[in-house]
């Protein structure tokens, strides 16, 4: 697991009305199966305020018997799937991710995930006015998290020999706008 947390430097914490760019590469093992509940690989998670659910995830998920990878946005009401594609399009492949997000109650999201072998765009999401903030005071922030997060309530799909996701080339930067 790689993440920003409460004692991390302020420069890597996303505060209200700040814009961050996250870049990374990842490769999901070709034999990995998804959970019927959740299999998160990337999350934007609030620290403070209503922080029980991730704000944004890239997740493997089984829906109607079909495995897929999807981008989920979870405001305080219900989860919305912003994009979904076949699991077979991404497993065993190196993927490159670019995520630019403005943390605000009416924030902006630009997320592009590309399969590196052939430059096939897996996700190209450009959303304005998304609820991307959960904080209630100036000390609250949003943090990125990378790793494998799976529900223990679906033990049949939790096989340790399959739980391999490789990550590389992380970049976290705040966008500073000129006045």
Protein backbone atom coordinates (compact mmCIF):
# COMPACT_ATOMS: atom_id res chain seq x y z
CA UNK A 1 0.00 0.00 0.00
CA UNK A 2 1.21 3.45 -0.90
CA UNK A 3 -0.68 6.41 0.53
CA UNK A 4 -0.67 9.90 1.92
CA UNK A 5 -1.75 9.99 5.55
CA UNK A 6 -2.21 12.48 8.41
CA UNK A 7 1.50 12.87 9.19
CA UNK A 8 2.52 13.25 5.51
CA UNK A 9 3.89 16.57 4.31
CA UNK A 10 1.23 19.21 3.63
CA UNK A 11 2.44 19.40 0.00
CA UNK A 12 0.91 15.98 -0.83
CA UNK A 13 -2.44 16.53 0.91
CA UNK A 14 -5.35 17.80 -1.18
CA UNK A 15 -7.08 20.66 0.62
CA UNK A 16 -10.31 22.35 -0.44
CA UNK A 17 -10.14 24.16 -3.80
CA UNK A 18 -6.67 22.75 -4.61
CA UNK A 19 -5.94 20.92 -7.86
CA UNK A 20 -3.62 17.92 -7.96
CA UNK A 21 -2.24 15.73 -10.74
CA UNK A 22 -1.49 12.08 -9.98
CA UNK A 23 0.39 9.93 -12.49
CA UNK A 24 1.38 6.29 -12.18
CA UNK A 25 1.67 3.00 -14.00
CA UNK A 26 0.19 -0.30 -12.90
CA UNK A 27 -0.12 -3.90 -14.04
CA UNK A 28 -2.80 -6.29 -12.77
CA UNK A 29 -1.79 -9.97 -12.75
CA UNK A 30 -3.41 -11.81 -15.68
CA UNK A 31 -4.86 -14.47 -13.34
CA UNK A 32 -6.35 -12.14 -10.74
CA UNK A 33 -10.10 -12.40 -10.17
CA UNK A 34 -12.27 -9.58 -8.95
CA UNK A 35 -14.46 -9.65 -5.89
CA UNK A 36 -18.22 -9.50 -6.09
CA UNK A 37 -17.93 -6.60 -3.61
CA UNK A 38 -14.86 -4.48 -4.44
CA UNK A 39 -11.29 -4.72 -5.64
CA UNK A 40 -9.86 -1.18 -5.49
CA UNK A 41 -6.47 -0.31 -7.02
CA UNK A 42 -6.60 3.47 -6.60
CA UNK A 43 -8.62 5.66 -4.26
CA UNK A 44 -9.06 9.29 -3.41
CA UNK A 45 -10.12 9.17 0.22
CA UNK A 46 -11.22 11.97 2.53
CA UNK A 47 -9.56 12.51 5.91
CA UNK A 48 -12.04 14.32 8.13
CA UNK A 49 -15.67 15.06 7.51
CA UNK A 50 -17.73 12.16 6.16
CA UNK A 51 -14.79 9.93 5.26
CA UNK A 52 -16.27 6.43 5.35
CA UNK A 53 -16.46 5.90 1.55
CA UNK A 54 -13.73 6.72 -0.98
CA UNK A 55 -14.57 9.73 -3.15
CA UNK A 56 -13.15 8.13 -6.31
CA UNK A 57 -11.86 4.63 -7.09
CA UNK A 58 -10.46 2.59 -9.92
CA UNK A 59 -11.84 -0.85 -9.14
CA UNK A 60 -12.28 -4.32 -10.49
CA UNK A 61 -15.87 -5.48 -10.11
CA UNK A 62 -18.16 -8.32 -11.09
CA UNK A 63 -21.53 -7.14 -12.37
CA UNK A 64 -24.20 -9.47 -13.75
CA UNK A 65 -21.62 -12.24 -13.86
CA UNK A 66 -19.13 -10.20 -15.94
CA UNK A 67 -15.74 -9.05 -14.65
CA UNK A 68 -14.70 -5.51 -15.45
CA UNK A 69 -12.65 -2.55 -14.35
CA UNK A 70 -14.43 0.67 -13.57
CA UNK A 71 -14.07 4.19 -12.29
CA UNK A 72 -16.48 4.94 -9.45
CA UNK A 73 -17.45 8.30 -8.01
CA UNK A 74 -19.03 8.13 -4.56
CA UNK A 75 -20.55 11.36 -3.33
CA UNK A 76 -22.45 11.15 -0.07
CA UNK A 77 -25.59 9.82 -1.77
CA UNK A 78 -24.94 6.86 -4.10
CA UNK A 79 -22.05 5.54 -6.18
CA UNK A 80 -21.94 6.38 -9.88
CA UNK A 81 -19.91 4.40 -12.40
CA UNK A 82 -18.14 6.97 -14.59
CA UNK A 83 -16.60 4.34 -16.87
CA UNK A 84 -16.34 0.56 -17.21
CA UNK A 85 -14.55 -1.83 -19.56
CA UNK A 86 -13.83 -5.55 -19.85
CA UNK A 87 -11.43 -7.08 -17.35
CA UNK A 88 -9.60 -8.89 -20.17
CA UNK A 89 -8.63 -5.53 -21.73
CA UNK A 90 -6.44 -4.64 -18.73
CA UNK A 91 -5.19 -7.79 -17.00
CA UNK A 92 -1.61 -8.73 -17.75
CA UNK A 93 -1.07 -5.29 -19.32
CA UNK A 94 0.85 -2.23 -18.17
CA UNK A 95 -1.51 0.72 -17.84
CA UNK A 96 -0.59 4.38 -17.51
CA UNK A 97 -2.88 6.64 -15.47
CA UNK A 98 -3.27 10.42 -15.38
CA UNK A 99 -5.68 11.91 -12.87
CA UNK A 100 -6.22 15.67 -12.43
CA UNK A 101 -8.70 16.58 -9.73
CA UNK A 102 -9.91 19.78 -8.10
CA UNK A 103 -11.07 19.08 -4.56
CA UNK A 104 -14.32 21.01 -4.14
CA UNK A 105 -18.02 20.37 -3.62
CA UNK A 106 -18.36 21.23 -7.31
CA UNK A 107 -14.95 19.95 -8.44
CA UNK A 108 -13.42 18.80 -11.69
CA UNK A 109 -12.02 15.42 -12.71
CA UNK A 110 -9.91 14.48 -15.71
CA UNK A 111 -8.88 10.80 -15.71
CA UNK A 112 -7.16 9.04 -18.59
CA UNK A 113 -5.98 5.41 -18.39
CA UNK A 114 -4.07 4.07 -21.39
CA UNK A 115 -2.88 0.54 -22.17
CA UNK A 116 0.83 1.03 -22.85
CA UNK A 117 1.33 -1.83 -25.31
CA UNK A 118 -0.80 -0.22 -28.01
CA UNK A 119 -1.78 3.20 -26.58
CA UNK A 120 -5.42 2.08 -26.41
CA UNK A 121 -7.38 4.48 -24.20
CA UNK A 122 -9.20 2.45 -21.54
CA UNK A 123 -10.82 5.42 -19.76
CA UNK A 124 -11.15 9.04 -20.84
CA UNK A 125 -13.25 10.80 -18.24
CA UNK A 126 -13.76 14.55 -18.16
CA UNK A 127 -16.34 15.60 -15.56
CA UNK A 128 -17.17 19.03 -14.19
CA UNK A 129 -19.21 19.85 -11.12
CA UNK A 130 -18.59 16.58 -9.25
CA UNK A 131 -18.78 16.47 -5.47
CA UNK A 132 -15.09 15.83 -4.73
CA UNK A 133 -14.91 17.23 -1.20
CA UNK A 134 -16.00 15.87 2.19
CA UNK A 135 -14.18 18.21 4.57
CA UNK A 136 -15.83 20.33 7.21
CA UNK A 137 -12.89 22.46 8.36
CA UNK A 138 -9.47 23.66 7.17
CA UNK A 139 -7.60 20.67 8.65
CA UNK A 140 -9.48 18.14 6.50
CA UNK A 141 -7.93 16.88 3.25
CA UNK A 142 -8.08 14.23 0.52
CA UNK A 143 -5.36 11.63 0.13
CA UNK A 144 -4.42 9.27 -2.70
CA UNK A 145 -4.04 5.53 -2.02
CA UNK A 146 -2.61 2.84 -4.29
CA UNK A 147 -2.64 -0.90 -3.60
CA UNK A 148 -5.04 -3.83 -3.54
CA UNK A 149 -8.09 -3.31 -1.37
CA UNK A 150 -10.52 -6.24 -1.40
CA UNK A 151 -13.61 -7.11 0.61
CA UNK A 152 -13.04 -9.91 3.11
CA UNK A 153 -16.77 -10.69 2.78
CA UNK A 154 -16.00 -12.45 -0.55
CA UNK A 155 -13.40 -14.97 0.62
CA UNK A 156 -13.87 -17.31 -2.37
CA UNK A 157 -12.28 -14.69 -4.63
CA UNK A 158 -9.41 -13.83 -2.26
CA UNK A 159 -6.60 -16.06 -3.40
CA UNK A 160 -3.21 -14.68 -2.31
CA UNK A 161 -1.33 -16.23 -5.25
CA UNK A 162 -3.43 -14.08 -7.61
CA UNK A 163 -3.23 -10.83 -5.71
CA UNK A 164 -0.40 -9.25 -7.64
CA UNK A 165 -0.57 -5.70 -8.89
CA UNK A 166 2.64 -3.92 -9.79
CA UNK A 167 2.94 -0.14 -9.55
CA UNK A 168 5.62 2.19 -10.92
CA UNK A 169 6.54 5.78 -11.76
CA UNK A 170 4.44 7.66 -9.22
CA UNK A 171 4.09 11.42 -9.49
CA UNK A 172 2.06 13.70 -7.23
CA UNK A 173 1.99 17.42 -7.98
CA UNK A 174 -0.17 20.35 -7.05
CA UNK A 175 -1.24 22.63 -9.86
CA UNK A 176 -0.41 26.22 -9.02
CA UNK A 177 -2.49 28.71 -10.96
CA UNK A 178 -1.02 32.13 -11.80
CA UNK A 179 -2.95 35.13 -10.47
